[in-house]
Amino acid sequence: MITENIIITLPDISFDDKDFSQNLMQLYIRCTLGTRVFPVLIKNAVTFKNDDFEKAQIYFTNLYNYFNIKPIKSEKDYSITSSKPK
């Protein structure tokens, strides 16, 4: 039996650069968790036709930007998954 009482909570993926190295690791962990929970949010939104699509679109855009940051006119990869030294 499927129920609408399923509540999907995505982890916060905002970044605070006070303690850069510690916060960067926490951001990476939260982004990874977000990529795992995100499909469940979409499935829930489709199944129950709720209003999570707008929230999902914003969240996906933020996740994409964190994993794919590359400044214009630059060959350097500044994403959090880059294997190149910064």
PDB file of N, CA and C in Angstrom:
ATOM      1  N   MET A   1       0.844  -1.184   0.000  1.00  0.00           N
ATOM      2  CA  MET A   1       0.000   0.000   0.000  1.00  0.00           C
ATOM      3  C   MET A   1       0.886   1.243   0.000  1.00  0.00           C
ATOM      4  N   ILE A   2       0.591   2.174  -0.901  1.00  0.00           N
ATOM      5  CA  ILE A   2       1.354   3.419  -0.999  1.00  0.00           C
ATOM      6  C   ILE A   2       0.605   4.500  -0.228  1.00  0.00           C
ATOM      7  N   THR A   3       1.345   5.274   0.521  1.00  0.00           N
ATOM      8  CA  THR A   3       0.739   6.337   1.311  1.00  0.00           C
ATOM      9  C   THR A   3       1.367   7.689   0.988  1.00  0.00           C
ATOM     10  N   GLU A   4       0.593   8.741   1.093  1.00  0.00           N
ATOM     11  CA  GLU A   4       1.101  10.087   0.824  1.00  0.00           C
ATOM     12  C   GLU A   4       1.833  10.674   2.018  1.00  0.00           C
ATOM     13  N   ASN A   5       1.906   9.983   3.105  1.00  0.00           N
ATOM     14  CA  ASN A   5       2.515  10.520   4.317  1.00  0.00           C
ATOM     15  C   ASN A   5       4.038  10.440   4.319  1.00  0.00           C
ATOM     16  N   ILE A   6       4.620  10.086   3.185  1.00  0.00           N
ATOM     17  CA  ILE A   6       6.073  10.011   3.085  1.00  0.00           C
ATOM     18  C   ILE A   6       6.611  11.437   2.969  1.00  0.00           C
ATOM     19  N   ILE A   7       7.510  11.797   3.868  1.00  0.00           N
ATOM     20  CA  ILE A   7       8.113  13.133   3.844  1.00  0.00           C
ATOM     21  C   ILE A   7       9.580  12.976   3.460  1.00  0.00           C
ATOM     22  N   ILE A   8       9.952  13.628   2.361  1.00  0.00           N
ATOM     23  CA  ILE A   8      11.323  13.570   1.876  1.00  0.00           C
ATOM     24  C   ILE A   8      12.009  14.875   2.261  1.00  0.00           C
ATOM     25  N   THR A   9      13.118  14.759   2.978  1.00  0.00           N
ATOM     26  CA  THR A   9      13.881  15.941   3.382  1.00  0.00           C
ATOM     27  C   THR A   9      15.252  15.889   2.736  1.00  0.00           C
ATOM     28  N   LEU A  10      15.536  16.887   1.917  1.00  0.00           N
ATOM     29  CA  LEU A  10      16.843  16.969   1.277  1.00  0.00           C
ATOM     30  C   LEU A  10      17.812  17.686   2.204  1.00  0.00           C
ATOM     31  N   PRO A  11      19.067  17.246   2.247  1.00  0.00           N
ATOM     32  CA  PRO A  11      20.038  17.916   3.110  1.00  0.00           C
ATOM     33  C   PRO A  11      20.350  19.326   2.610  1.00  0.00           C
ATOM     34  N   ASP A  12      20.633  20.208   3.537  1.00  0.00           N
ATOM     35  CA  ASP A  12      21.004  21.580   3.198  1.00  0.00           C
ATOM     36  C   ASP A  12      22.342  21.562   2.473  1.00  0.00           C
ATOM     37  N   ILE A  13      22.429  22.245   1.343  1.00  0.00           N
ATOM     38  CA  ILE A  13      23.687  22.275   0.605  1.00  0.00           C
ATOM     39  C   ILE A  13      24.236  23.693   0.482  1.00  0.00           C
ATOM     40  N   SER A  14      23.919  24.532   1.452  1.00  0.00           N
ATOM     41  CA  SER A  14      24.529  25.859   1.465  1.00  0.00           C
ATOM     42  C   SER A  14      25.951  25.719   1.998  1.00  0.00           C
ATOM     43  N   PHE A  15      26.799  26.680   1.672  1.00  0.00           N
ATOM     44  CA  PHE A  15      28.213  26.591   2.040  1.00  0.00           C
ATOM     45  C   PHE A  15      28.636  27.798   2.851  1.00  0.00           C
ATOM     46  N   ASP A  16      29.288  27.539   3.978  1.00  0.00           N
ATOM     47  CA  ASP A  16      29.839  28.587   4.841  1.00  0.00           C
ATOM     48  C   ASP A  16      31.351  28.418   4.816  1.00  0.00           C
ATOM     49  N   ASP A  17      32.074  29.444   4.382  1.00  0.00           N
ATOM     50  CA  ASP A  17      33.519  29.287   4.212  1.00  0.00           C
ATOM     51  C   ASP A  17      34.349  29.734   5.417  1.00  0.00           C
ATOM     52  N   LYS A  18      33.782  29.728   6.623  1.00  0.00           N
ATOM     53  CA  LYS A  18      34.553  30.087   7.826  1.00  0.00           C
ATOM     54  C   LYS A  18      35.700  29.107   8.059  1.00  0.00           C
ATOM     55  N   ASP A  19      35.396  27.857   8.248  1.00  0.00           N
ATOM     56  CA  ASP A  19      36.416  26.816   8.394  1.00  0.00           C
ATOM     57  C   ASP A  19      36.386  26.020   7.094  1.00  0.00           C
ATOM     58  N   PHE A  20      37.075  26.539   6.088  1.00  0.00           N
ATOM     59  CA  PHE A  20      36.932  26.083   4.711  1.00  0.00           C
ATOM     60  C   PHE A  20      37.076  24.571   4.550  1.00  0.00           C
ATOM     61  N   SER A  21      38.164  23.987   5.032  1.00  0.00           N
ATOM     62  CA  SER A  21      38.401  22.559   4.776  1.00  0.00           C
ATOM     63  C   SER A  21      37.351  21.669   5.438  1.00  0.00           C
ATOM     64  N   GLN A  22      36.988  21.976   6.678  1.00  0.00           N
ATOM     65  CA  GLN A  22      35.969  21.186   7.374  1.00  0.00           C
ATOM     66  C   GLN A  22      34.610  21.357   6.712  1.00  0.00           C
ATOM     67  N   ASN A  23      34.248  22.585   6.393  1.00  0.00           N
ATOM     68  CA  ASN A  23      32.947  22.846   5.777  1.00  0.00           C
ATOM     69  C   ASN A  23      32.870  22.291   4.361  1.00  0.00           C
ATOM     70  N   LEU A  24      33.995  22.275   3.649  1.00  0.00           N
ATOM     71  CA  LEU A  24      33.995  21.713   2.303  1.00  0.00           C
ATOM     72  C   LEU A  24      33.710  20.213   2.357  1.00  0.00           C
ATOM     73  N   MET A  25      34.304  19.533   3.314  1.00  0.00           N
ATOM     74  CA  MET A  25      34.055  18.095   3.466  1.00  0.00           C
ATOM     75  C   MET A  25      32.592  17.845   3.831  1.00  0.00           C
ATOM     76  N   GLN A  26      32.043  18.642   4.742  1.00  0.00           N
ATOM     77  CA  GLN A  26      30.633  18.495   5.119  1.00  0.00           C
ATOM     78  C   GLN A  26      29.719  18.780   3.919  1.00  0.00           C
ATOM     79  N   LEU A  27      30.070  19.797   3.122  1.00  0.00           N
ATOM     80  CA  LEU A  27      29.291  20.100   1.926  1.00  0.00           C
ATOM     81  C   LEU A  27      29.316  18.913   0.968  1.00  0.00           C
ATOM     82  N   TYR A  28      30.486  18.333   0.777  1.00  0.00           N
ATOM     83  CA  TYR A  28      30.613  17.187  -0.115  1.00  0.00           C
ATOM     84  C   TYR A  28      29.745  16.019   0.370  1.00  0.00           C
ATOM     85  N   ILE A  29      29.758  15.768   1.652  1.00  0.00           N
ATOM     86  CA  ILE A  29      28.940  14.692   2.229  1.00  0.00           C
ATOM     87  C   ILE A  29      27.453  14.973   2.015  1.00  0.00           C
ATOM     88  N   ARG A  30      27.033  16.229   2.282  1.00  0.00           N
ATOM     89  CA  ARG A  30      25.615  16.587   2.100  1.00  0.00           C
ATOM     90  C   ARG A  30      25.202  16.523   0.631  1.00  0.00           C
ATOM     91  N   CYS A  31      26.083  16.954  -0.274  1.00  0.00           N
ATOM     92  CA  CYS A  31      25.778  16.871  -1.706  1.00  0.00           C
ATOM     93  C   CYS A  31      25.653  15.418  -2.150  1.00  0.00           C
ATOM     94  N   THR A  32      26.525  14.563  -1.659  1.00  0.00           N
ATOM     95  CA  THR A  32      26.456  13.143  -1.993  1.00  0.00           C
ATOM     96  C   THR A  32      25.144  12.544  -1.486  1.00  0.00           C
ATOM     97  N   LEU A  33      24.781  12.868  -0.253  1.00  0.00           N
ATOM     98  CA  LEU A  33      23.504  12.398   0.288  1.00  0.00           C
ATOM     99  C   LEU A  33      22.342  12.940  -0.547  1.00  0.00           C
ATOM    100  N   GLY A  34      22.432  14.210  -0.933  1.00  0.00           N
ATOM    101  CA  GLY A  34      21.380  14.819  -1.757  1.00  0.00           C
ATOM    102  C   GLY A  34      21.205  14.107  -3.084  1.00  0.00           C
ATOM    103  N   THR A  35      22.315  13.667  -3.695  1.00  0.00           N
ATOM    104  CA  THR A  35      22.207  12.955  -4.969  1.00  0.00           C
ATOM    105  C   THR A  35      21.539  11.597  -4.791  1.00  0.00           C
ATOM    106  N   ARG A  36      21.616  11.060  -3.592  1.00  0.00           N
ATOM    107  CA  ARG A  36      20.978   9.758  -3.334  1.00  0.00           C
ATOM    108  C   ARG A  36      19.500   9.897  -2.970  1.00  0.00           C
ATOM    109  N   VAL A  37      19.148  10.969  -2.304  1.00  0.00           N
ATOM    110  CA  VAL A  37      17.764  11.186  -1.870  1.00  0.00           C
ATOM    111  C   VAL A  37      16.930  11.817  -2.986  1.00  0.00           C
ATOM    112  N   PHE A  38      17.564  12.566  -3.854  1.00  0.00           N
ATOM    113  CA  PHE A  38      16.864  13.317  -4.904  1.00  0.00           C
ATOM    114  C   PHE A  38      15.923  12.456  -5.757  1.00  0.00           C
ATOM    115  N   PRO A  39      16.358  11.285  -6.249  1.00  0.00           N
ATOM    116  CA  PRO A  39      15.433  10.464  -7.048  1.00  0.00           C
ATOM    117  C   PRO A  39      14.172  10.053  -6.283  1.00  0.00           C
ATOM    118  N   VAL A  40      14.295   9.853  -4.978  1.00  0.00           N
ATOM    119  CA  VAL A  40      13.131   9.503  -4.158  1.00  0.00           C
ATOM    120  C   VAL A  40      12.158  10.675  -4.107  1.00  0.00           C
ATOM    121  N   LEU A  41      12.700  11.886  -3.989  1.00  0.00           N
ATOM    122  CA  LEU A  41      11.847  13.088  -3.996  1.00  0.00           C
ATOM    123  C   LEU A  41      11.084  13.195  -5.314  1.00  0.00           C
ATOM    124  N   ILE A  42      11.765  12.972  -6.423  1.00  0.00           N
ATOM    125  CA  ILE A  42      11.122  13.047  -7.742  1.00  0.00           C
ATOM    126  C   ILE A  42      10.052  11.968  -7.879  1.00  0.00           C
ATOM    127  N   LYS A  43      10.387  10.750  -7.487  1.00  0.00           N
ATOM    128  CA  LYS A  43       9.409   9.652  -7.557  1.00  0.00           C
ATOM    129  C   LYS A  43       8.172   9.964  -6.719  1.00  0.00           C
ATOM    130  N   ASN A  44       8.387  10.512  -5.538  1.00  0.00           N
ATOM    131  CA  ASN A  44       7.284  10.884  -4.659  1.00  0.00           C
ATOM    132  C   ASN A  44       6.445  11.999  -5.291  1.00  0.00           C
ATOM    133  N   ALA A  45       7.101  12.984  -5.888  1.00  0.00           N
ATOM    134  CA  ALA A  45       6.380  14.095  -6.518  1.00  0.00           C
ATOM    135  C   ALA A  45       5.535  13.614  -7.692  1.00  0.00           C
ATOM    136  N   VAL A  46       6.066  12.684  -8.481  1.00  0.00           N
ATOM    137  CA  VAL A  46       5.326  12.141  -9.625  1.00  0.00           C
ATOM    138  C   VAL A  46       4.159  11.284  -9.156  1.00  0.00           C
ATOM    139  N   THR A  47       4.419  10.432  -8.194  1.00  0.00           N
ATOM    140  CA  THR A  47       3.386   9.510  -7.710  1.00  0.00           C
ATOM    141  C   THR A  47       2.204  10.253  -7.096  1.00  0.00           C
ATOM    142  N   PHE A  48       2.497  11.248  -6.260  1.00  0.00           N
ATOM    143  CA  PHE A  48       1.427  11.928  -5.526  1.00  0.00           C
ATOM    144  C   PHE A  48       1.069  13.291  -6.093  1.00  0.00           C
ATOM    145  N   LYS A  49       1.716  13.662  -7.217  1.00  0.00           N
ATOM    146  CA  LYS A  49       1.433  14.938  -7.887  1.00  0.00           C
ATOM    147  C   LYS A  49       1.442  16.111  -6.905  1.00  0.00           C
ATOM    148  N   ASN A  50       2.515  16.176  -6.117  1.00  0.00           N
ATOM    149  CA  ASN A  50       2.616  17.263  -5.147  1.00  0.00           C
ATOM    150  C   ASN A  50       3.469  18.407  -5.693  1.00  0.00           C
ATOM    151  N   ASP A  51       3.748  19.382  -4.876  1.00  0.00           N
ATOM    152  CA  ASP A  51       4.425  20.600  -5.316  1.00  0.00           C
ATOM    153  C   ASP A  51       5.941  20.565  -5.133  1.00  0.00           C
ATOM    154  N   ASP A  52       6.526  19.391  -5.076  1.00  0.00           N
ATOM    155  CA  ASP A  52       7.968  19.287  -4.866  1.00  0.00           C
ATOM    156  C   ASP A  52       8.792  19.540  -6.124  1.00  0.00           C
ATOM    157  N   PHE A  53       8.151  19.681  -7.285  1.00  0.00           N
ATOM    158  CA  PHE A  53       8.918  19.863  -8.521  1.00  0.00           C
ATOM    159  C   PHE A  53       9.739  21.150  -8.520  1.00  0.00           C
ATOM    160  N   GLU A  54       9.160  22.248  -8.053  1.00  0.00           N
ATOM    161  CA  GLU A  54       9.898  23.517  -8.021  1.00  0.00           C
ATOM    162  C   GLU A  54      11.090  23.403  -7.062  1.00  0.00           C
ATOM    163  N   LYS A  55      10.851  22.824  -5.891  1.00  0.00           N
ATOM    164  CA  LYS A  55      11.927  22.609  -4.922  1.00  0.00           C
ATOM    165  C   LYS A  55      13.001  21.700  -5.527  1.00  0.00           C
ATOM    166  N   ALA A  56      12.583  20.676  -6.241  1.00  0.00           N
ATOM    167  CA  ALA A  56      13.523  19.743  -6.855  1.00  0.00           C
ATOM    168  C   ALA A  56      14.350  20.422  -7.945  1.00  0.00           C
ATOM    169  N   GLN A  57      13.737  21.270  -8.714  1.00  0.00           N
ATOM    170  CA  GLN A  57      14.460  21.965  -9.787  1.00  0.00           C
ATOM    171  C   GLN A  57      15.549  22.875  -9.211  1.00  0.00           C
ATOM    172  N   ILE A  58      15.224  23.612  -8.178  1.00  0.00           N
ATOM    173  CA  ILE A  58      16.199  24.497  -7.530  1.00  0.00           C
ATOM    174  C   ILE A  58      17.322  23.667  -6.911  1.00  0.00           C
ATOM    175  N   TYR A  59      16.965  22.601  -6.237  1.00  0.00           N
ATOM    176  CA  TYR A  59      17.956  21.746  -5.586  1.00  0.00           C
ATOM    177  C   TYR A  59      18.885  21.111  -6.614  1.00  0.00           C
ATOM    178  N   PHE A  60      18.305  20.608  -7.704  1.00  0.00           N
ATOM    179  CA  PHE A  60      19.114  19.991  -8.747  1.00  0.00           C
ATOM    180  C   PHE A  60      20.082  20.999  -9.359  1.00  0.00           C
ATOM    181  N   THR A  61      19.614  22.207  -9.602  1.00  0.00           N
ATOM    182  CA  THR A  61      20.479  23.261 -10.151  1.00  0.00           C
ATOM    183  C   THR A  61      21.637  23.551  -9.215  1.00  0.00           C
ATOM    184  N   ASN A  62      21.364  23.634  -7.914  1.00  0.00           N
ATOM    185  CA  ASN A  62      22.430  23.875  -6.939  1.00  0.00           C
ATOM    186  C   ASN A  62      23.419  22.713  -6.895  1.00  0.00           C
ATOM    187  N   LEU A  63      22.917  21.487  -6.900  1.00  0.00           N
ATOM    188  CA  LEU A  63      23.801  20.324  -6.926  1.00  0.00           C
ATOM    189  C   LEU A  63      24.672  20.336  -8.186  1.00  0.00           C
ATOM    190  N   TYR A  64      24.049  20.582  -9.306  1.00  0.00           N
ATOM    191  CA  TYR A  64      24.780  20.618 -10.572  1.00  0.00           C
ATOM    192  C   TYR A  64      25.894  21.661 -10.515  1.00  0.00           C
ATOM    193  N   ASN A  65      25.576  22.833  -9.998  1.00  0.00           N
ATOM    194  CA  ASN A  65      26.574  23.901  -9.918  1.00  0.00           C
ATOM    195  C   ASN A  65      27.737  23.530  -9.008  1.00  0.00           C
ATOM    196  N   TYR A  66      27.471  22.882  -7.886  1.00  0.00           N
ATOM    197  CA  TYR A  66      28.549  22.479  -6.980  1.00  0.00           C
ATOM    198  C   TYR A  66      29.463  21.429  -7.628  1.00  0.00           C
ATOM    199  N   PHE A  67      28.883  20.518  -8.387  1.00  0.00           N
ATOM    200  CA  PHE A  67      29.680  19.451  -8.978  1.00  0.00           C
ATOM    201  C   PHE A  67      30.294  19.839 -10.320  1.00  0.00           C
ATOM    202  N   ASN A  68      29.885  20.977 -10.881  1.00  0.00           N
ATOM    203  CA  ASN A  68      30.331  21.319 -12.226  1.00  0.00           C
ATOM    204  C   ASN A  68      30.792  22.773 -12.333  1.00  0.00           C
ATOM    205  N   ILE A  69      31.311  23.359 -11.285  1.00  0.00           N
ATOM    206  CA  ILE A  69      31.744  24.751 -11.330  1.00  0.00           C
ATOM    207  C   ILE A  69      33.001  24.863 -12.182  1.00  0.00           C
ATOM    208  N   LYS A  70      32.916  25.663 -13.206  1.00  0.00           N
ATOM    209  CA  LYS A  70      34.064  25.931 -14.063  1.00  0.00           C
ATOM    210  C   LYS A  70      33.910  27.356 -14.581  1.00  0.00           C
ATOM    211  N   PRO A  71      34.756  28.270 -14.121  1.00  0.00           N
ATOM    212  CA  PRO A  71      34.622  29.657 -14.562  1.00  0.00           C
ATOM    213  C   PRO A  71      34.747  29.798 -16.082  1.00  0.00           C
ATOM    214  N   ILE A  72      34.063  30.788 -16.626  1.00  0.00           N
ATOM    215  CA  ILE A  72      34.140  31.079 -18.053  1.00  0.00           C
ATOM    216  C   ILE A  72      35.580  31.468 -18.400  1.00  0.00           C
ATOM    217  N   LYS A  73      36.028  31.092 -19.572  1.00  0.00           N
ATOM    218  CA  LYS A  73      37.373  31.395 -20.067  1.00  0.00           C
ATOM    219  C   LYS A  73      38.469  30.807 -19.186  1.00  0.00           C
ATOM    220  N   SER A  74      38.231  29.634 -18.652  1.00  0.00           N
ATOM    221  CA  SER A  74      39.229  28.992 -17.817  1.00  0.00           C
ATOM    222  C   SER A  74      39.261  27.503 -18.134  1.00  0.00           C
ATOM    223  N   GLU A  75      40.431  26.947 -18.161  1.00  0.00           N
ATOM    224  CA  GLU A  75      40.576  25.510 -18.367  1.00  0.00           C
ATOM    225  C   GLU A  75      40.629  24.763 -17.050  1.00  0.00           C
ATOM    226  N   LYS A  76      40.758  25.491 -15.929  1.00  0.00           N
ATOM    227  CA  LYS A  76      40.819  24.852 -14.622  1.00  0.00           C
ATOM    228  C   LYS A  76      39.436  24.355 -14.219  1.00  0.00           C
ATOM    229  N   ASP A  77      39.402  23.222 -13.559  1.00  0.00           N
ATOM    230  CA  ASP A  77      38.163  22.651 -13.050  1.00  0.00           C
ATOM    231  C   ASP A  77      38.093  22.967 -11.558  1.00  0.00           C
ATOM    232  N   TYR A  78      37.131  23.792 -11.162  1.00  0.00           N
ATOM    233  CA  TYR A  78      36.993  24.200  -9.769  1.00  0.00           C
ATOM    234  C   TYR A  78      35.894  23.427  -9.043  1.00  0.00           C
ATOM    235  N   SER A  79      35.370  22.382  -9.642  1.00  0.00           N
ATOM    236  CA  SER A  79      34.291  21.634  -8.997  1.00  0.00           C
ATOM    237  C   SER A  79      34.821  20.894  -7.780  1.00  0.00           C
ATOM    238  N   ILE A  80      33.925  20.509  -6.889  1.00  0.00           N
ATOM    239  CA  ILE A  80      34.354  19.829  -5.662  1.00  0.00           C
ATOM    240  C   ILE A  80      34.816  18.416  -5.927  1.00  0.00           C
ATOM    241  N   THR A  81      34.575  17.899  -7.136  1.00  0.00           N
ATOM    242  CA  THR A  81      35.022  16.560  -7.469  1.00  0.00           C
ATOM    243  C   THR A  81      36.263  16.557  -8.357  1.00  0.00           C
ATOM    244  N   SER A  82      36.852  17.709  -8.553  1.00  0.00           N
ATOM    245  CA  SER A  82      38.022  17.820  -9.412  1.00  0.00           C
ATOM    246  C   SER A  82      39.199  17.046  -8.832  1.00  0.00           C
ATOM    247  N   SER A  83      39.916  16.353  -9.685  1.00  0.00           N
ATOM    248  CA  SER A  83      41.107  15.644  -9.241  1.00  0.00           C
ATOM    249  C   SER A  83      42.359  16.503  -9.423  1.00  0.00           C
ATOM    250  N   LYS A  84      42.195  17.643 -10.094  1.00  0.00           N
ATOM    251  CA  LYS A  84      43.325  18.536 -10.317  1.00  0.00           C
ATOM    252  C   LYS A  84      43.537  19.428  -9.102  1.00  0.00           C
ATOM    253  N   PRO A  85      44.790  19.709  -8.754  1.00  0.00           N
ATOM    254  CA  PRO A  85      45.030  20.643  -7.638  1.00  0.00           C
ATOM    255  C   PRO A  85      44.550  22.038  -7.999  1.00  0.00           C
ATOM    256  N   LYS A  86      44.076  22.741  -6.998  1.00  0.00           N
ATOM    257  CA  LYS A  86      43.555  24.096  -7.216  1.00  0.00           C
ATOM    258  C   LYS A  86      44.671  25.110  -7.117  1.00  0.00           C
TER     259      LYS A  86
END
